[in-house]
Amino acid sequence: MPHQTSPGRPPGSRKRPALLWLLLPYVLFLAVLPLVNRVTPTVLGLPFLFFWTLLATLATPSAVWLARRGDRARGRG
């Protein structure tokens, strides 16, 4: 049974809000970079920018997993 879309929408273009999780790495790495580009304070003995990059790197697989999980819950995987 084919997926039904709204009139005026191309076939296969359904809303997929779970994929918004994939914006998290972009925001963590690029959008807030001017705000976190500093050496002080230090967190766990690391300069703040290095700590932030480490935190964003560790959060990226979680964001991808959440996007995949949300997409599978809608029956797309």
PDB file of N, CA and C in Angstrom:
ATOM      1  N   MET A   1       0.842  -1.167   0.000  1.00  0.00           N
ATOM      2  CA  MET A   1       0.000   0.000   0.000  1.00  0.00           C
ATOM      3  C   MET A   1       0.894   1.238   0.000  1.00  0.00           C
ATOM      4  N   PRO A   2       0.780   2.097  -1.017  1.00  0.00           N
ATOM      5  CA  PRO A   2       1.643   3.278  -1.080  1.00  0.00           C
ATOM      6  C   PRO A   2       1.288   4.286   0.003  1.00  0.00           C
ATOM      7  N   HIS A   3       2.293   5.059   0.379  1.00  0.00           N
ATOM      8  CA  HIS A   3       2.074   6.110   1.378  1.00  0.00           C
ATOM      9  C   HIS A   3       1.239   7.220   0.758  1.00  0.00           C
ATOM     10  N   GLN A   4       0.322   7.742   1.529  1.00  0.00           N
ATOM     11  CA  GLN A   4      -0.508   8.827   1.038  1.00  0.00           C
ATOM     12  C   GLN A   4       0.094  10.150   1.506  1.00  0.00           C
ATOM     13  N   THR A   5       0.185  11.075   0.578  1.00  0.00           N
ATOM     14  CA  THR A   5       0.702  12.397   0.917  1.00  0.00           C
ATOM     15  C   THR A   5      -0.403  13.415   0.702  1.00  0.00           C
ATOM     16  N   SER A   6      -0.181  14.578   1.225  1.00  0.00           N
ATOM     17  CA  SER A   6      -1.157  15.652   1.062  1.00  0.00           C
ATOM     18  C   SER A   6      -1.156  16.129  -0.381  1.00  0.00           C
ATOM     19  N   PRO A   7      -2.295  16.651  -0.856  1.00  0.00           N
ATOM     20  CA  PRO A   7      -2.299  17.212  -2.204  1.00  0.00           C
ATOM     21  C   PRO A   7      -1.336  18.393  -2.277  1.00  0.00           C
ATOM     22  N   GLY A   8      -0.648  18.511  -3.384  1.00  0.00           N
ATOM     23  CA  GLY A   8       0.303  19.597  -3.545  1.00  0.00           C
ATOM     24  C   GLY A   8       1.699  19.253  -3.076  1.00  0.00           C
ATOM     25  N   ARG A   9       1.880  18.098  -2.466  1.00  0.00           N
ATOM     26  CA  ARG A   9       3.200  17.649  -2.029  1.00  0.00           C
ATOM     27  C   ARG A   9       3.706  16.591  -2.989  1.00  0.00           C
ATOM     28  N   PRO A  10       4.986  16.636  -3.299  1.00  0.00           N
ATOM     29  CA  PRO A  10       5.529  15.573  -4.148  1.00  0.00           C
ATOM     30  C   PRO A  10       5.474  14.232  -3.427  1.00  0.00           C
ATOM     31  N   PRO A  11       5.334  13.133  -4.153  1.00  0.00           N
ATOM     32  CA  PRO A  11       5.319  11.824  -3.494  1.00  0.00           C
ATOM     33  C   PRO A  11       6.619  11.581  -2.745  1.00  0.00           C
ATOM     34  N   GLY A  12       6.523  10.980  -1.592  1.00  0.00           N
ATOM     35  CA  GLY A  12       7.704  10.656  -0.786  1.00  0.00           C
ATOM     36  C   GLY A  12       8.196  11.795   0.086  1.00  0.00           C
ATOM     37  N   SER A  13       7.501  12.915   0.107  1.00  0.00           N
ATOM     38  CA  SER A  13       7.969  14.044   0.928  1.00  0.00           C
ATOM     39  C   SER A  13       7.092  14.193   2.160  1.00  0.00           C
ATOM     40  N   ARG A  14       7.270  13.278   3.094  1.00  0.00           N
ATOM     41  CA  ARG A  14       6.535  13.359   4.353  1.00  0.00           C
ATOM     42  C   ARG A  14       7.369  14.123   5.358  1.00  0.00           C
ATOM     43  N   LYS A  15       6.689  14.678   6.337  1.00  0.00           N
ATOM     44  CA  LYS A  15       7.416  15.356   7.409  1.00  0.00           C
ATOM     45  C   LYS A  15       8.117  14.306   8.250  1.00  0.00           C
ATOM     46  N   ARG A  16       9.352  14.578   8.604  1.00  0.00           N
ATOM     47  CA  ARG A  16      10.146  13.652   9.407  1.00  0.00           C
ATOM     48  C   ARG A  16      10.797  14.436  10.535  1.00  0.00           C
ATOM     49  N   PRO A  17      10.028  14.759  11.578  1.00  0.00           N
ATOM     50  CA  PRO A  17      10.565  15.605  12.644  1.00  0.00           C
ATOM     51  C   PRO A  17      11.711  14.968  13.414  1.00  0.00           C
ATOM     52  N   ALA A  18      11.821  13.661  13.391  1.00  0.00           N
ATOM     53  CA  ALA A  18      12.916  13.012  14.118  1.00  0.00           C
ATOM     54  C   ALA A  18      14.268  13.397  13.532  1.00  0.00           C
ATOM     55  N   LEU A  19      14.288  13.772  12.260  1.00  0.00           N
ATOM     56  CA  LEU A  19      15.556  14.134  11.640  1.00  0.00           C
ATOM     57  C   LEU A  19      16.084  15.479  12.114  1.00  0.00           C
ATOM     58  N   LEU A  20      15.277  16.208  12.870  1.00  0.00           N
ATOM     59  CA  LEU A  20      15.769  17.458  13.448  1.00  0.00           C
ATOM     60  C   LEU A  20      16.905  17.203  14.444  1.00  0.00           C
ATOM     61  N   TRP A  21      16.974  15.994  14.979  1.00  0.00           N
ATOM     62  CA  TRP A  21      18.087  15.646  15.870  1.00  0.00           C
ATOM     63  C   TRP A  21      19.424  15.785  15.155  1.00  0.00           C
ATOM     64  N   LEU A  22      19.428  15.658  13.824  1.00  0.00           N
ATOM     65  CA  LEU A  22      20.677  15.759  13.077  1.00  0.00           C
ATOM     66  C   LEU A  22      21.194  17.195  13.006  1.00  0.00           C
ATOM     67  N   LEU A  23      20.403  18.156  13.424  1.00  0.00           N
ATOM     68  CA  LEU A  23      20.878  19.533  13.504  1.00  0.00           C
ATOM     69  C   LEU A  23      21.718  19.773  14.760  1.00  0.00           C
ATOM     70  N   LEU A  24      21.577  18.907  15.744  1.00  0.00           N
ATOM     71  CA  LEU A  24      22.308  19.092  17.003  1.00  0.00           C
ATOM     72  C   LEU A  24      23.826  19.158  16.807  1.00  0.00           C
ATOM     73  N   PRO A  25      24.455  18.234  16.061  1.00  0.00           N
ATOM     74  CA  PRO A  25      25.906  18.366  15.883  1.00  0.00           C
ATOM     75  C   PRO A  25      26.297  19.676  15.188  1.00  0.00           C
ATOM     76  N   TYR A  26      25.512  20.080  14.197  1.00  0.00           N
ATOM     77  CA  TYR A  26      25.802  21.348  13.515  1.00  0.00           C
ATOM     78  C   TYR A  26      25.774  22.506  14.509  1.00  0.00           C
ATOM     79  N   VAL A  27      24.748  22.537  15.326  1.00  0.00           N
ATOM     80  CA  VAL A  27      24.621  23.632  16.292  1.00  0.00           C
ATOM     81  C   VAL A  27      25.762  23.584  17.303  1.00  0.00           C
ATOM     82  N   LEU A  28      26.070  22.395  17.801  1.00  0.00           N
ATOM     83  CA  LEU A  28      27.120  22.281  18.814  1.00  0.00           C
ATOM     84  C   LEU A  28      28.503  22.629  18.266  1.00  0.00           C
ATOM     85  N   PHE A  29      28.785  22.236  17.028  1.00  0.00           N
ATOM     86  CA  PHE A  29      30.124  22.473  16.481  1.00  0.00           C
ATOM     87  C   PHE A  29      30.276  23.866  15.869  1.00  0.00           C
ATOM     88  N   LEU A  30      29.278  24.347  15.131  1.00  0.00           N
ATOM     89  CA  LEU A  30      29.473  25.577  14.375  1.00  0.00           C
ATOM     90  C   LEU A  30      28.713  26.784  14.906  1.00  0.00           C
ATOM     91  N   ALA A  31      27.453  26.616  15.200  1.00  0.00           N
ATOM     92  CA  ALA A  31      26.635  27.779  15.528  1.00  0.00           C
ATOM     93  C   ALA A  31      27.052  28.442  16.836  1.00  0.00           C
ATOM     94  N   VAL A  32      27.456  27.666  17.822  1.00  0.00           N
ATOM     95  CA  VAL A  32      27.828  28.264  19.107  1.00  0.00           C
ATOM     96  C   VAL A  32      29.332  28.478  19.245  1.00  0.00           C
ATOM     97  N   LEU A  33      30.084  28.217  18.192  1.00  0.00           N
ATOM     98  CA  LEU A  33      31.535  28.363  18.260  1.00  0.00           C
ATOM     99  C   LEU A  33      31.977  29.757  18.700  1.00  0.00           C
ATOM    100  N   PRO A  34      31.392  30.835  18.195  1.00  0.00           N
ATOM    101  CA  PRO A  34      31.829  32.152  18.689  1.00  0.00           C
ATOM    102  C   PRO A  34      31.576  32.351  20.188  1.00  0.00           C
ATOM    103  N   LEU A  35      30.625  31.645  20.742  1.00  0.00           N
ATOM    104  CA  LEU A  35      30.325  31.805  22.168  1.00  0.00           C
ATOM    105  C   LEU A  35      31.275  31.007  23.057  1.00  0.00           C
ATOM    106  N   VAL A  36      31.807  29.911  22.549  1.00  0.00           N
ATOM    107  CA  VAL A  36      32.643  29.047  23.381  1.00  0.00           C
ATOM    108  C   VAL A  36      34.129  29.165  23.049  1.00  0.00           C
ATOM    109  N   ASN A  37      34.500  30.024  22.136  1.00  0.00           N
ATOM    110  CA  ASN A  37      35.892  30.159  21.724  1.00  0.00           C
ATOM    111  C   ASN A  37      36.673  30.958  22.763  1.00  0.00           C
ATOM    112  N   ARG A  38      37.067  30.274  23.817  1.00  0.00           N
ATOM    113  CA  ARG A  38      37.852  30.884  24.881  1.00  0.00           C
ATOM    114  C   ARG A  38      38.687  29.805  25.572  1.00  0.00           C
ATOM    115  N   VAL A  39      39.758  30.231  26.186  1.00  0.00           N
ATOM    116  CA  VAL A  39      40.637  29.299  26.884  1.00  0.00           C
ATOM    117  C   VAL A  39      40.203  29.143  28.334  1.00  0.00           C
ATOM    118  N   THR A  40      39.793  30.226  28.953  1.00  0.00           N
ATOM    119  CA  THR A  40      39.332  30.147  30.335  1.00  0.00           C
ATOM    120  C   THR A  40      37.829  30.218  30.345  1.00  0.00           C
ATOM    121  N   PRO A  41      37.149  29.585  31.184  1.00  0.00           N
ATOM    122  CA  PRO A  41      37.613  28.755  32.293  1.00  0.00           C
ATOM    123  C   PRO A  41      38.083  27.391  31.799  1.00  0.00           C
ATOM    124  N   THR A  42      38.729  26.682  32.681  1.00  0.00           N
ATOM    125  CA  THR A  42      39.108  25.309  32.369  1.00  0.00           C
ATOM    126  C   THR A  42      38.096  24.378  33.026  1.00  0.00           C
ATOM    127  N   VAL A  43      37.789  23.308  32.337  1.00  0.00           N
ATOM    128  CA  VAL A  43      36.842  22.306  32.840  1.00  0.00           C
ATOM    129  C   VAL A  43      37.569  20.970  32.835  1.00  0.00           C
ATOM    130  N   LEU A  44      37.654  20.352  33.996  1.00  0.00           N
ATOM    131  CA  LEU A  44      38.385  19.092  34.154  1.00  0.00           C
ATOM    132  C   LEU A  44      39.827  19.212  33.663  1.00  0.00           C
ATOM    133  N   GLY A  45      40.403  20.382  33.834  1.00  0.00           N
ATOM    134  CA  GLY A  45      41.789  20.616  33.438  1.00  0.00           C
ATOM    135  C   GLY A  45      41.969  20.894  31.957  1.00  0.00           C
ATOM    136  N   LEU A  46      40.880  20.993  31.202  1.00  0.00           N
ATOM    137  CA  LEU A  46      40.948  21.246  29.768  1.00  0.00           C
ATOM    138  C   LEU A  46      40.502  22.669  29.479  1.00  0.00           C
ATOM    139  N   PRO A  47      41.111  23.311  28.475  1.00  0.00           N
ATOM    140  CA  PRO A  47      40.573  24.610  28.061  1.00  0.00           C
ATOM    141  C   PRO A  47      39.117  24.446  27.624  1.00  0.00           C
ATOM    142  N   PHE A  48      38.311  25.475  27.822  1.00  0.00           N
ATOM    143  CA  PHE A  48      36.875  25.354  27.595  1.00  0.00           C
ATOM    144  C   PHE A  48      36.550  24.952  26.154  1.00  0.00           C
ATOM    145  N   LEU A  49      37.252  25.508  25.163  1.00  0.00           N
ATOM    146  CA  LEU A  49      36.969  25.167  23.769  1.00  0.00           C
ATOM    147  C   LEU A  49      37.230  23.689  23.499  1.00  0.00           C
ATOM    148  N   PHE A  50      38.307  23.149  24.058  1.00  0.00           N
ATOM    149  CA  PHE A  50      38.603  21.732  23.870  1.00  0.00           C
ATOM    150  C   PHE A  50      37.543  20.865  24.554  1.00  0.00           C
ATOM    151  N   PHE A  51      37.148  21.257  25.746  1.00  0.00           N
ATOM    152  CA  PHE A  51      36.101  20.520  26.450  1.00  0.00           C
ATOM    153  C   PHE A  51      34.795  20.540  25.661  1.00  0.00           C
ATOM    154  N   TRP A  52      34.440  21.710  25.103  1.00  0.00           N
ATOM    155  CA  TRP A  52      33.208  21.833  24.324  1.00  0.00           C
ATOM    156  C   TRP A  52      33.263  20.942  23.080  1.00  0.00           C
ATOM    157  N   THR A  53      34.391  20.908  22.400  1.00  0.00           N
ATOM    158  CA  THR A  53      34.546  20.063  21.214  1.00  0.00           C
ATOM    159  C   THR A  53      34.422  18.594  21.593  1.00  0.00           C
ATOM    160  N   LEU A  54      35.001  18.214  22.703  1.00  0.00           N
ATOM    161  CA  LEU A  54      34.886  16.836  23.179  1.00  0.00           C
ATOM    162  C   LEU A  54      33.441  16.494  23.510  1.00  0.00           C
ATOM    163  N   LEU A  55      32.745  17.396  24.168  1.00  0.00           N
ATOM    164  CA  LEU A  55      31.340  17.187  24.506  1.00  0.00           C
ATOM    165  C   LEU A  55      30.481  17.059  23.239  1.00  0.00           C
ATOM    166  N   ALA A  56      30.710  17.911  22.261  1.00  0.00           N
ATOM    167  CA  ALA A  56      29.949  17.852  21.012  1.00  0.00           C
ATOM    168  C   ALA A  56      30.233  16.567  20.250  1.00  0.00           C
ATOM    169  N   THR A  57      31.466  16.108  20.277  1.00  0.00           N
ATOM    170  CA  THR A  57      31.832  14.858  19.603  1.00  0.00           C
ATOM    171  C   THR A  57      31.134  13.673  20.251  1.00  0.00           C
ATOM    172  N   LEU A  58      31.040  13.683  21.569  1.00  0.00           N
ATOM    173  CA  LEU A  58      30.358  12.593  22.264  1.00  0.00           C
ATOM    174  C   LEU A  58      28.843  12.658  22.100  1.00  0.00           C
ATOM    175  N   ALA A  59      28.286  13.843  21.876  1.00  0.00           N
ATOM    176  CA  ALA A  59      26.839  13.990  21.708  1.00  0.00           C
ATOM    177  C   ALA A  59      26.373  13.625  20.295  1.00  0.00           C
ATOM    178  N   THR A  60      27.263  13.654  19.315  1.00  0.00           N
ATOM    179  CA  THR A  60      26.875  13.387  17.927  1.00  0.00           C
ATOM    180  C   THR A  60      26.307  11.983  17.725  1.00  0.00           C
ATOM    181  N   PRO A  61      26.937  10.910  18.205  1.00  0.00           N
ATOM    182  CA  PRO A  61      26.317   9.590  18.018  1.00  0.00           C
ATOM    183  C   PRO A  61      24.952   9.467  18.694  1.00  0.00           C
ATOM    184  N   SER A  62      24.769  10.152  19.803  1.00  0.00           N
ATOM    185  CA  SER A  62      23.457  10.125  20.464  1.00  0.00           C
ATOM    186  C   SER A  62      22.392  10.788  19.587  1.00  0.00           C
ATOM    187  N   ALA A  63      22.738  11.891  18.945  1.00  0.00           N
ATOM    188  CA  ALA A  63      21.788  12.578  18.065  1.00  0.00           C
ATOM    189  C   ALA A  63      21.439  11.711  16.862  1.00  0.00           C
ATOM    190  N   VAL A  64      22.427  11.047  16.294  1.00  0.00           N
ATOM    191  CA  VAL A  64      22.174  10.161  15.149  1.00  0.00           C
ATOM    192  C   VAL A  64      21.291   8.993  15.584  1.00  0.00           C
ATOM    193  N   TRP A  65      21.555   8.438  16.761  1.00  0.00           N
ATOM    194  CA  TRP A  65      20.743   7.327  17.258  1.00  0.00           C
ATOM    195  C   TRP A  65      19.295   7.764  17.492  1.00  0.00           C
ATOM    196  N   LEU A  66      19.107   8.951  18.063  1.00  0.00           N
ATOM    197  CA  LEU A  66      17.748   9.448  18.303  1.00  0.00           C
ATOM    198  C   LEU A  66      17.007   9.682  16.980  1.00  0.00           C
ATOM    199  N   ALA A  67      17.703  10.200  15.968  1.00  0.00           N
ATOM    200  CA  ALA A  67      17.073  10.413  14.663  1.00  0.00           C
ATOM    201  C   ALA A  67      16.685   9.081  14.033  1.00  0.00           C
ATOM    202  N   ARG A  68      17.561   8.104  14.119  1.00  0.00           N
ATOM    203  CA  ARG A  68      17.267   6.777  13.555  1.00  0.00           C
ATOM    204  C   ARG A  68      16.106   6.123  14.292  1.00  0.00           C
ATOM    205  N   ARG A  69      16.120   6.225  15.604  1.00  0.00           N
ATOM    206  CA  ARG A  69      15.048   5.629  16.406  1.00  0.00           C
ATOM    207  C   ARG A  69      13.695   6.266  16.082  1.00  0.00           C
ATOM    208  N   GLY A  70      13.665   7.577  15.940  1.00  0.00           N
ATOM    209  CA  GLY A  70      12.430   8.267  15.605  1.00  0.00           C
ATOM    210  C   GLY A  70      11.934   7.919  14.218  1.00  0.00           C
ATOM    211  N   ASP A  71      12.854   7.762  13.281  1.00  0.00           N
ATOM    212  CA  ASP A  71      12.471   7.405  11.914  1.00  0.00           C
ATOM    213  C   ASP A  71      11.952   5.963  11.860  1.00  0.00           C
ATOM    214  N   ARG A  72      12.584   5.079  12.618  1.00  0.00           N
ATOM    215  CA  ARG A  72      12.124   3.685  12.633  1.00  0.00           C
ATOM    216  C   ARG A  72      10.754   3.566  13.288  1.00  0.00           C
ATOM    217  N   ALA A  73      10.489   4.417  14.275  1.00  0.00           N
ATOM    218  CA  ALA A  73       9.191   4.382  14.943  1.00  0.00           C
ATOM    219  C   ALA A  73       8.072   4.765  13.981  1.00  0.00           C
ATOM    220  N   ARG A  74       8.411   5.534  12.956  1.00  0.00           N
ATOM    221  CA  ARG A  74       7.422   5.910  11.942  1.00  0.00           C
ATOM    222  C   ARG A  74       7.376   4.903  10.812  1.00  0.00           C
ATOM    223  N   GLY A  75       8.155   3.814  10.911  1.00  0.00           N
ATOM    224  CA  GLY A  75       8.096   2.762   9.911  1.00  0.00           C
ATOM    225  C   GLY A  75       8.929   3.037   8.677  1.00  0.00           C
ATOM    226  N   ARG A  76      10.039   3.768   8.832  1.00  0.00           N
ATOM    227  CA  ARG A  76      10.865   4.082   7.689  1.00  0.00           C
ATOM    228  C   ARG A  76      12.211   3.361   7.721  1.00  0.00           C
ATOM    229  N   GLY A  77      12.351   2.316   8.473  1.00  0.00           N
ATOM    230  CA  GLY A  77      13.673   1.728   8.479  1.00  0.00           C
ATOM    231  C   GLY A  77      13.638   0.356   8.935  1.00  0.00           C
TER     232      GLY A  77
END
